[in-house]
Structures are given as structure tokens and as C-alpha cells.
PDB file of N, CA and C in Angstrom:
ATOM      1  N   UNK A   1    -217.774 153.352  79.975  1.00  0.00           N
ATOM      2  CA  UNK A   1    -217.764 152.007  80.278  1.00  0.00           C
ATOM      3  C   UNK A   1    -219.309 151.398  79.029  1.00  0.00           C
ATOM      4  N   UNK A   2    -218.913 150.584  78.924  1.00  0.00           N
ATOM      5  CA  UNK A   2    -219.740 149.957  77.653  1.00  0.00           C
ATOM      6  C   UNK A   2    -220.453 148.843  78.473  1.00  0.00           C
ATOM      7  N   UNK A   3    -221.803 148.263  77.917  1.00  0.00           N
ATOM      8  CA  UNK A   3    -222.888 148.089  78.462  1.00  0.00           C
ATOM      9  C   UNK A   3    -223.526 146.716  77.631  1.00  0.00           C
ATOM     10  N   UNK A   4    -224.438 145.997  77.463  1.00  0.00           N
ATOM     11  CA  UNK A   4    -224.728 145.029  77.240  1.00  0.00           C
ATOM     12  C   UNK A   4    -225.982 144.127  77.918  1.00  0.00           C
ATOM     13  N   UNK A   5    -227.075 144.138  77.451  1.00  0.00           N
ATOM     14  CA  UNK A   5    -228.245 143.079  77.431  1.00  0.00           C
ATOM     15  C   UNK A   5    -228.134 141.929  77.863  1.00  0.00           C
ATOM     16  N   UNK A   6    -229.024 142.036  78.602  1.00  0.00           N
ATOM     17  CA  UNK A   6    -228.559 139.648  79.244  1.00  0.00           C
ATOM     18  C   UNK A   6    -230.679 139.587  78.836  1.00  0.00           C
ATOM     19  N   UNK A   7    -229.625 138.576  77.757  1.00  0.00           N
ATOM     20  CA  UNK A   7    -230.782 138.456  76.539  1.00  0.00           C
ATOM     21  C   UNK A   7    -231.834 137.646  78.166  1.00  0.00           C
ATOM     22  N   UNK A   8    -231.597 136.544  78.740  1.00  0.00           N
ATOM     23  CA  UNK A   8    -232.027 136.051  80.042  1.00  0.00           C
ATOM     24  C   UNK A   8    -233.454 136.843  80.754  1.00  0.00           C
ATOM     25  N   UNK A   9    -232.724 138.000  81.558  1.00  0.00           N
ATOM     26  CA  UNK A   9    -232.856 139.027  82.653  1.00  0.00           C
ATOM     27  C   UNK A   9    -233.461 140.181  81.787  1.00  0.00           C
ATOM     28  N   UNK A  10    -233.169 140.351  80.304  1.00  0.00           N
ATOM     29  CA  UNK A  10    -233.213 141.506  80.051  1.00  0.00           C
ATOM     30  C   UNK A  10    -232.734 143.370  81.093  1.00  0.00           C
ATOM     31  N   UNK A  11    -231.576 142.780  81.323  1.00  0.00           N
ATOM     32  CA  UNK A  11    -231.216 143.561  82.070  1.00  0.00           C
ATOM     33  C   UNK A  11    -229.695 144.503  81.764  1.00  0.00           C
ATOM     34  N   UNK A  12    -229.426 145.671  82.231  1.00  0.00           N
ATOM     35  CA  UNK A  12    -228.176 145.109  81.441  1.00  0.00           C
ATOM     36  C   UNK A  12    -227.233 145.394  82.172  1.00  0.00           C
ATOM     37  N   UNK A  13    -225.851 144.764  82.132  1.00  0.00           N
ATOM     38  CA  UNK A  13    -224.880 144.503  82.208  1.00  0.00           C
ATOM     39  C   UNK A  13    -224.082 145.572  81.669  1.00  0.00           C
ATOM     40  N   UNK A  14    -222.371 145.580  82.630  1.00  0.00           N
ATOM     41  CA  UNK A  14    -221.185 146.154  82.264  1.00  0.00           C
ATOM     42  C   UNK A  14    -220.311 145.146  82.525  1.00  0.00           C
ATOM     43  N   UNK A  15    -219.679 146.005  81.067  1.00  0.00           N
ATOM     44  CA  UNK A  15    -218.686 144.306  80.113  1.00  0.00           C
ATOM     45  C   UNK A  15    -217.606 144.727  80.974  1.00  0.00           C
ATOM     46  N   UNK A  16    -216.750 143.707  81.428  1.00  0.00           N
ATOM     47  CA  UNK A  16    -215.156 143.791  82.226  1.00  0.00           C
ATOM     48  C   UNK A  16    -214.388 144.579  81.273  1.00  0.00           C
ATOM     49  N   UNK A  17    -213.750 145.474  83.059  1.00  0.00           N
ATOM     50  CA  UNK A  17    -212.751 146.358  82.455  1.00  0.00           C
ATOM     51  C   UNK A  17    -211.843 146.145  81.252  1.00  0.00           C
ATOM     52  N   UNK A  18    -211.659 144.703  81.725  1.00  0.00           N
ATOM     53  CA  UNK A  18    -209.919 144.449  80.652  1.00  0.00           C
ATOM     54  C   UNK A  18    -210.909 144.214  79.115  1.00  0.00           C
ATOM     55  N   UNK A  19    -211.902 144.948  78.726  1.00  0.00           N
ATOM     56  CA  UNK A  19    -212.512 144.398  77.534  1.00  0.00           C
ATOM     57  C   UNK A  19    -212.686 146.080  76.919  1.00  0.00           C
ATOM     58  N   UNK A  20    -212.775 147.305  78.145  1.00  0.00           N
ATOM     59  CA  UNK A  20    -212.960 148.630  78.030  1.00  0.00           C
ATOM     60  C   UNK A  20    -211.205 148.823  77.367  1.00  0.00           C
ATOM     61  N   UNK A  21    -210.298 148.696  77.381  1.00  0.00           N
ATOM     62  CA  UNK A  21    -209.429 149.168  76.263  1.00  0.00           C
ATOM     63  C   UNK A  21    -209.119 148.746  74.623  1.00  0.00           C
ATOM     64  N   UNK A  22    -210.489 147.885  74.509  1.00  0.00           N
ATOM     65  CA  UNK A  22    -210.464 147.540  73.091  1.00  0.00           C
ATOM     66  C   UNK A  22    -211.776 148.268  72.478  1.00  0.00           C
ATOM     67  N   UNK A  23    -213.022 147.683  73.292  1.00  0.00           N
ATOM     68  CA  UNK A  23    -213.962 148.065  72.711  1.00  0.00           C
ATOM     69  C   UNK A  23    -214.335 150.135  72.522  1.00  0.00           C
ATOM     70  N   UNK A  24    -214.020 151.144  74.207  1.00  0.00           N
ATOM     71  CA  UNK A  24    -214.078 152.138  73.440  1.00  0.00           C
ATOM     72  C   UNK A  24    -213.830 152.772  72.679  1.00  0.00           C
ATOM     73  N   UNK A  25    -212.017 152.737  72.705  1.00  0.00           N
ATOM     74  CA  UNK A  25    -211.786 153.170  71.436  1.00  0.00           C
ATOM     75  C   UNK A  25    -212.198 153.100  70.022  1.00  0.00           C
ATOM     76  N   UNK A  26    -212.803 151.537  70.097  1.00  0.00           N
ATOM     77  CA  UNK A  26    -213.462 149.857  68.924  1.00  0.00           C
ATOM     78  C   UNK A  26    -214.940 151.694  68.667  1.00  0.00           C
ATOM     79  N   UNK A  27    -215.639 151.852  69.639  1.00  0.00           N
ATOM     80  CA  UNK A  27    -217.266 152.387  69.676  1.00  0.00           C
ATOM     81  C   UNK A  27    -216.573 154.083  69.480  1.00  0.00           C
ATOM     82  N   UNK A  28    -215.613 154.780  69.980  1.00  0.00           N
ATOM     83  CA  UNK A  28    -215.100 155.878  69.625  1.00  0.00           C
ATOM     84  C   UNK A  28    -214.813 156.310  68.261  1.00  0.00           C
ATOM     85  N   UNK A  29    -214.228 155.447  67.515  1.00  0.00           N
ATOM     86  CA  UNK A  29    -213.226 155.937  66.240  1.00  0.00           C
ATOM     87  C   UNK A  29    -215.010 155.923  65.322  1.00  0.00           C
ATOM     88  N   UNK A  30    -215.581 154.898  65.781  1.00  0.00           N
ATOM     89  CA  UNK A  30    -216.632 154.251  64.537  1.00  0.00           C
ATOM     90  C   UNK A  30    -217.564 156.335  64.893  1.00  0.00           C
ATOM     91  N   UNK A  31    -217.705 156.318  65.639  1.00  0.00           N
ATOM     92  CA  UNK A  31    -218.341 157.402  66.032  1.00  0.00           C
ATOM     93  C   UNK A  31    -217.720 158.986  65.487  1.00  0.00           C
ATOM     94  N   UNK A  32    -216.584 159.002  65.778  1.00  0.00           N
ATOM     95  CA  UNK A  32    -216.020 160.277  65.175  1.00  0.00           C
ATOM     96  C   UNK A  32    -215.780 160.167  64.153  1.00  0.00           C
ATOM     97  N   UNK A  33    -215.718 159.187  62.960  1.00  0.00           N
ATOM     98  CA  UNK A  33    -215.836 158.485  61.487  1.00  0.00           C
ATOM     99  C   UNK A  33    -217.403 158.653  60.904  1.00  0.00           C
ATOM    100  N   UNK A  34    -218.301 158.893  61.823  1.00  0.00           N
ATOM    101  CA  UNK A  34    -219.886 158.714  61.700  1.00  0.00           C
ATOM    102  C   UNK A  34    -219.764 160.261  61.313  1.00  0.00           C
ATOM    103  N   UNK A  35    -219.332 160.983  62.216  1.00  0.00           N
ATOM    104  CA  UNK A  35    -219.408 162.136  62.730  1.00  0.00           C
ATOM    105  C   UNK A  35    -218.904 163.360  61.405  1.00  0.00           C
ATOM    106  N   UNK A  36    -217.528 162.986  61.184  1.00  0.00           N
ATOM    107  CA  UNK A  36    -216.614 163.413  59.742  1.00  0.00           C
ATOM    108  C   UNK A  36    -217.234 163.462  58.492  1.00  0.00           C
ATOM    109  N   UNK A  37    -217.610 162.190  58.357  1.00  0.00           N
ATOM    110  CA  UNK A  37    -217.656 161.536  57.145  1.00  0.00           C
ATOM    111  C   UNK A  37    -219.423 163.005  56.920  1.00  0.00           C
ATOM    112  N   UNK A  38    -220.151 162.239  57.656  1.00  0.00           N
ATOM    113  CA  UNK A  38    -221.753 163.492  57.984  1.00  0.00           C
ATOM    114  C   UNK A  38    -220.946 164.744  57.686  1.00  0.00           C
ATOM    115  N   UNK A  39    -220.284 165.646  58.164  1.00  0.00           N
ATOM    116  CA  UNK A  39    -220.221 166.786  57.697  1.00  0.00           C
ATOM    117  C   UNK A  39    -219.866 167.220  56.596  1.00  0.00           C
ATOM    118  N   UNK A  40    -219.398 166.158  56.500  1.00  0.00           N
ATOM    119  CA  UNK A  40    -217.890 166.361  54.589  1.00  0.00           C
ATOM    120  C   UNK A  40    -219.379 166.179  53.737  1.00  0.00           C
ATOM    121  N   UNK A  41    -219.537 165.137  53.792  1.00  0.00           N
ATOM    122  CA  UNK A  41    -221.190 165.016  53.243  1.00  0.00           C
ATOM    123  C   UNK A  41    -222.353 166.176  53.151  1.00  0.00           C
ATOM    124  N   UNK A  42    -222.204 167.082  54.259  1.00  0.00           N
ATOM    125  CA  UNK A  42    -223.173 168.009  54.270  1.00  0.00           C
ATOM    126  C   UNK A  42    -222.340 169.224  53.362  1.00  0.00           C
ATOM    127  N   UNK A  43    -221.286 169.890  53.829  1.00  0.00           N
ATOM    128  CA  UNK A  43    -220.983 170.742  52.298  1.00  0.00           C
ATOM    129  C   UNK A  43    -220.698 169.825  51.046  1.00  0.00           C
ATOM    130  N   UNK A  44    -220.130 169.392  50.747  1.00  0.00           N
ATOM    131  CA  UNK A  44    -220.388 168.904  49.774  1.00  0.00           C
ATOM    132  C   UNK A  44    -221.787 168.671  49.124  1.00  0.00           C
ATOM    133  N   UNK A  45    -222.790 168.177  49.371  1.00  0.00           N
ATOM    134  CA  UNK A  45    -224.076 167.893  48.542  1.00  0.00           C
ATOM    135  C   UNK A  45    -225.125 168.770  49.323  1.00  0.00           C
ATOM    136  N   UNK A  46    -224.385 169.036  50.512  1.00  0.00           N
ATOM    137  CA  UNK A  46    -226.021 170.266  51.236  1.00  0.00           C
ATOM    138  C   UNK A  46    -226.786 169.582  51.761  1.00  0.00           C
ATOM    139  N   UNK A  47    -226.169 168.423  51.961  1.00  0.00           N
ATOM    140  CA  UNK A  47    -227.635 167.489  52.814  1.00  0.00           C
ATOM    141  C   UNK A  47    -228.607 167.788  53.402  1.00  0.00           C
ATOM    142  N   UNK A  48    -228.842 169.205  54.384  1.00  0.00           N
ATOM    143  CA  UNK A  48    -229.161 169.442  55.357  1.00  0.00           C
ATOM    144  C   UNK A  48    -230.240 170.290  54.876  1.00  0.00           C
ATOM    145  N   UNK A  49    -229.541 170.866  53.289  1.00  0.00           N
ATOM    146  CA  UNK A  49    -230.863 171.580  53.153  1.00  0.00           C
ATOM    147  C   UNK A  49    -231.964 171.278  52.234  1.00  0.00           C
ATOM    148  N   UNK A  50    -231.090 169.591  51.583  1.00  0.00           N
ATOM    149  CA  UNK A  50    -232.632 169.354  50.965  1.00  0.00           C
ATOM    150  C   UNK A  50    -233.111 167.853  52.019  1.00  0.00           C
ATOM    151  N   UNK A  51    -232.444 167.899  53.306  1.00  0.00           N
ATOM    152  CA  UNK A  51    -233.421 166.785  54.094  1.00  0.00           C
ATOM    153  C   UNK A  51    -234.631 167.560  55.215  1.00  0.00           C
ATOM    154  N   UNK A  52    -234.418 169.281  54.760  1.00  0.00           N
ATOM    155  CA  UNK A  52    -235.685 169.589  55.553  1.00  0.00           C
ATOM    156  C   UNK A  52    -235.863 170.807  54.542  1.00  0.00           C
ATOM    157  N   UNK A  53    -236.000 170.476  53.517  1.00  0.00           N
ATOM    158  CA  UNK A  53    -236.949 170.203  51.773  1.00  0.00           C
ATOM    159  C   UNK A  53    -237.964 169.208  52.296  1.00  0.00           C
ATOM    160  N   UNK A  54    -238.020 168.054  51.957  1.00  0.00           N
ATOM    161  CA  UNK A  54    -238.358 166.861  51.849  1.00  0.00           C
ATOM    162  C   UNK A  54    -239.564 166.317  53.493  1.00  0.00           C
ATOM    163  N   UNK A  55    -239.190 167.370  54.621  1.00  0.00           N
ATOM    164  CA  UNK A  55    -239.221 167.212  55.974  1.00  0.00           C
ATOM    165  C   UNK A  55    -240.843 168.106  56.253  1.00  0.00           C
ATOM    166  N   UNK A  56    -240.514 169.610  54.793  1.00  0.00           N
ATOM    167  CA  UNK A  56    -241.402 170.192  55.045  1.00  0.00           C
ATOM    168  C   UNK A  56    -242.102 170.029  54.329  1.00  0.00           C
ATOM    169  N   UNK A  57    -241.590 169.691  52.940  1.00  0.00           N
ATOM    170  CA  UNK A  57    -242.778 168.791  52.524  1.00  0.00           C
ATOM    171  C   UNK A  57    -243.838 167.898  53.274  1.00  0.00           C
ATOM    172  N   UNK A  58    -243.719 167.220  54.000  1.00  0.00           N
ATOM    173  CA  UNK A  58    -243.619 165.994  54.289  1.00  0.00           C
ATOM    174  C   UNK A  58    -244.543 166.298  55.459  1.00  0.00           C
ATOM    175  N   UNK A  59    -244.204 167.573  56.300  1.00  0.00           N
ATOM    176  CA  UNK A  59    -245.362 168.162  56.877  1.00  0.00           C
ATOM    177  C   UNK A  59    -246.514 168.447  56.551  1.00  0.00           C
ATOM    178  N   UNK A  60    -246.329 169.488  55.075  1.00  0.00           N
ATOM    179  CA  UNK A  60    -247.111 170.369  54.412  1.00  0.00           C
ATOM    180  C   UNK A  60    -248.706 169.104  54.001  1.00  0.00           C
ATOM    181  N   UNK A  61    -248.298 168.055  53.501  1.00  0.00           N
ATOM    182  CA  UNK A  61    -248.860 167.008  53.759  1.00  0.00           C
ATOM    183  C   UNK A  61    -249.366 166.473  54.322  1.00  0.00           C
ATOM    184  N   UNK A  62    -249.081 166.218  55.201  1.00  0.00           N
ATOM    185  CA  UNK A  62    -250.098 165.888  56.154  1.00  0.00           C
ATOM    186  C   UNK A  62    -250.930 166.327  57.227  1.00  0.00           C
ATOM    187  N   UNK A  63    -250.112 168.183  56.875  1.00  0.00           N
ATOM    188  CA  UNK A  63    -251.479 168.639  57.793  1.00  0.00           C
ATOM    189  C   UNK A  63    -252.846 169.467  56.995  1.00  0.00           C
ATOM    190  N   UNK A  64    -252.362 169.037  55.258  1.00  0.00           N
ATOM    191  CA  UNK A  64    -253.505 168.766  54.669  1.00  0.00           C
ATOM    192  C   UNK A  64    -254.091 167.885  55.128  1.00  0.00           C
ATOM    193  N   UNK A  65    -254.124 167.020  55.569  1.00  0.00           N
ATOM    194  CA  UNK A  65    -254.941 165.619  55.232  1.00  0.00           C
ATOM    195  C   UNK A  65    -254.488 164.808  54.938  1.00  0.00           C
ATOM    196  N   UNK A  66    -253.268 164.951  53.836  1.00  0.00           N
ATOM    197  CA  UNK A  66    -253.075 164.008  52.666  1.00  0.00           C
ATOM    198  C   UNK A  66    -252.767 162.118  53.476  1.00  0.00           C
ATOM    199  N   UNK A  67    -253.536 161.847  54.981  1.00  0.00           N
ATOM    200  CA  UNK A  67    -253.018 160.933  55.123  1.00  0.00           C
ATOM    201  C   UNK A  67    -254.931 160.559  56.055  1.00  0.00           C
ATOM    202  N   UNK A  68    -255.209 159.582  55.204  1.00  0.00           N
ATOM    203  CA  UNK A  68    -256.810 158.991  55.790  1.00  0.00           C
ATOM    204  C   UNK A  68    -256.809 158.054  56.686  1.00  0.00           C
TER     205      UNK A  68
END
């Protein structure tokens, strides 16, 4: 079930069931495309290894007192 926020009350409401036949496949298709392209990009360019090196450097900078 897809939910959305009502701007006046801030509460979550469900979409009517007739929209589930359109929205859910669209959301799942986008999600699956992102996962597949992310895995493909990682396999080709090693993004995860590079990201971990960058995050490791940032963490070392923060632990060394780089931020005042």
C-alpha cells in the first residue's frame, strides 16, 4: 500500500486501492532499476571501495580534531 502525507493534518493516508495497480509496479520498477544499476556501477568502477576510503579519511580527520 502506498501512503502519502496530508499537508493540512500531517497524517499519513493510504492511496485508494485502484491506484495500487499503477503506483506499486512503478515504485518497484524504479527501485529495482536503482539496485541493478548500483550493482553494475560497483562492479565496473569499485565505488564501494572508493567510498570506504573516503569515509575512512573523513573519520580519521574528525578523530584527529580537524573540526573546531
